[in-house]
Amino acid sequence: MDLSVDSLETPALTKAQLADLLFEQIGLNKRESKDMIDAFFDLIANRLVEGEDVRISGFGNFQIRTKAPRPGRNPRTGEAIPIEARRVAVFHSSHKLKDQIQHGSAAEGQEID
């Protein structure tokens, strides 16, 4: 299956555009397309909130990292302020995706498995 995103007008790929692609290229109705995209991203977000890693084969890994508290500085005033510990989401692309980005193979119509 080859999903083409060549017709996108903006540099960012939005959830609405993904739903439109499912509608146009796979044949799902618009409501099903939107629900599928929302469910996909909700599943990823919920797993990350629970502290679980999300691995998408051939694409990459999403992980939650806990950053320790550290001293910081207000850039306007120079005043020292503490930065509290926090959890952040990080993404590491797979080697396959990195190779495709380096060699432009996805832009030539090849799919990401």
Protein backbone atom coordinates (compact mmCIF):
# COMPACT_ATOMS: atom_id res chain seq x y z
CA MET A 1 0.00 0.00 0.00
CA ASP A 2 1.45 3.34 -1.01
CA LEU A 3 0.18 6.41 0.81
CA SER A 4 1.18 9.58 -0.95
CA VAL A 5 1.40 12.87 0.92
CA ASP A 6 2.68 14.91 -2.03
CA SER A 7 -0.45 17.08 -2.16
CA LEU A 8 0.05 18.57 1.31
CA GLU A 9 0.14 22.35 1.23
CA THR A 10 1.63 22.98 4.68
CA PRO A 11 4.99 21.79 5.98
CA ALA A 12 3.32 20.04 8.96
CA LEU A 13 1.31 16.83 8.65
CA THR A 14 -1.85 17.21 10.74
CA LYS A 15 -4.26 14.63 12.13
CA ALA A 16 -6.95 16.03 9.82
CA GLN A 17 -4.68 15.48 6.82
CA LEU A 18 -3.96 11.90 7.94
CA ALA A 19 -7.70 11.26 8.23
CA ASP A 20 -8.23 12.72 4.74
CA LEU A 21 -5.53 10.39 3.38
CA LEU A 22 -7.28 7.38 4.90
CA PHE A 23 -10.54 8.57 3.39
CA GLU A 24 -9.11 9.21 -0.08
CA GLN A 25 -6.63 6.37 -0.46
CA ILE A 26 -8.09 3.52 1.58
CA GLY A 27 -11.80 4.25 1.28
CA LEU A 28 -12.80 4.60 4.92
CA ASN A 29 -15.55 7.13 5.46
CA LYS A 30 -14.50 10.46 6.96
CA ARG A 31 -15.85 9.70 10.44
CA GLU A 32 -14.10 6.30 10.57
CA SER A 33 -10.87 7.89 9.34
CA LYS A 34 -10.98 10.59 12.01
CA ASP A 35 -11.85 8.06 14.73
CA MET A 36 -9.00 5.76 13.67
CA ILE A 37 -6.41 8.55 13.74
CA ASP A 38 -7.70 9.82 17.11
CA ALA A 39 -7.64 6.29 18.57
CA PHE A 40 -4.08 5.74 17.32
CA PHE A 41 -2.73 8.90 18.94
CA ASP A 42 -4.80 8.38 22.11
CA LEU A 43 -3.30 4.90 22.46
CA ILE A 44 0.24 6.25 22.13
CA ALA A 45 -0.42 9.10 24.57
CA ASN A 46 -2.08 6.83 27.15
CA ARG A 47 0.80 4.34 27.05
CA LEU A 48 3.31 7.15 27.54
CA VAL A 49 1.31 8.61 30.43
CA GLU A 50 1.39 5.15 32.04
CA GLY A 51 5.18 5.18 31.70
CA GLU A 52 5.35 2.53 28.96
CA ASP A 53 7.56 2.80 25.88
CA VAL A 54 5.89 2.78 22.47
CA ARG A 55 7.79 1.05 19.68
CA ILE A 56 6.65 1.35 16.07
CA SER A 57 8.61 -1.07 13.91
CA GLY A 58 10.52 0.64 11.12
CA PHE A 59 9.65 4.09 12.47
CA GLY A 60 10.99 4.59 15.99
CA ASN A 61 10.48 4.56 19.74
CA PHE A 62 8.67 6.98 22.02
CA GLN A 63 9.85 6.98 25.62
CA ILE A 64 9.21 8.91 28.82
CA ARG A 65 12.27 10.31 30.55
CA THR A 66 12.33 11.83 34.01
CA LYS A 67 14.48 14.92 34.22
CA ALA A 68 16.00 15.76 37.57
CA PRO A 69 15.48 19.14 39.21
CA ARG A 70 18.21 21.65 38.41
CA PRO A 71 19.09 25.28 38.93
CA GLY A 72 17.99 27.63 36.19
CA ARG A 73 18.03 31.32 35.38
CA ASN A 74 15.41 33.78 34.18
CA PRO A 75 16.90 35.03 30.89
CA ARG A 76 15.31 38.49 31.23
CA THR A 77 16.29 39.28 34.79
CA GLY A 78 19.19 36.91 35.41
CA GLU A 79 17.45 35.79 38.59
CA ALA A 80 18.25 32.23 39.71
CA ILE A 81 15.16 30.02 39.73
CA PRO A 82 14.80 26.30 40.45
CA ILE A 83 13.58 24.08 37.60
CA GLU A 84 11.47 21.27 39.03
CA ALA A 85 11.77 17.60 38.12
CA ARG A 86 9.54 16.68 35.21
CA ARG A 87 8.67 13.93 32.78
CA VAL A 88 9.23 14.50 29.07
CA ALA A 89 8.45 12.46 25.96
CA VAL A 90 11.38 11.68 23.68
CA PHE A 91 11.47 10.10 20.23
CA HIS A 92 14.30 8.05 18.73
CA SER A 93 13.97 7.19 15.08
CA SER A 94 14.74 3.67 13.90
CA HIS A 95 17.80 2.94 11.77
CA LYS A 96 15.47 2.18 8.88
CA LEU A 97 13.83 5.62 9.13
CA LYS A 98 17.23 7.31 9.49
CA ASP A 99 18.43 5.57 6.33
CA GLN A 100 15.31 6.61 4.44
CA ILE A 101 15.77 10.22 5.55
CA GLN A 102 19.44 10.21 4.54
CA HIS A 103 18.87 8.63 1.15
CA GLY A 104 15.48 10.15 0.32
CA SER A 105 13.86 6.77 -0.39
CA ALA A 106 10.51 7.64 1.25
CA ALA A 107 10.27 10.71 -0.99
CA GLU A 108 10.68 8.42 -4.01
CA GLY A 109 7.48 6.55 -3.21
CA GLN A 110 8.81 3.76 -0.99
CA GLU A 111 6.84 2.85 2.08
CA ILE A 112 7.95 2.68 5.68
CA ASP A 113 7.19 -0.84 6.95
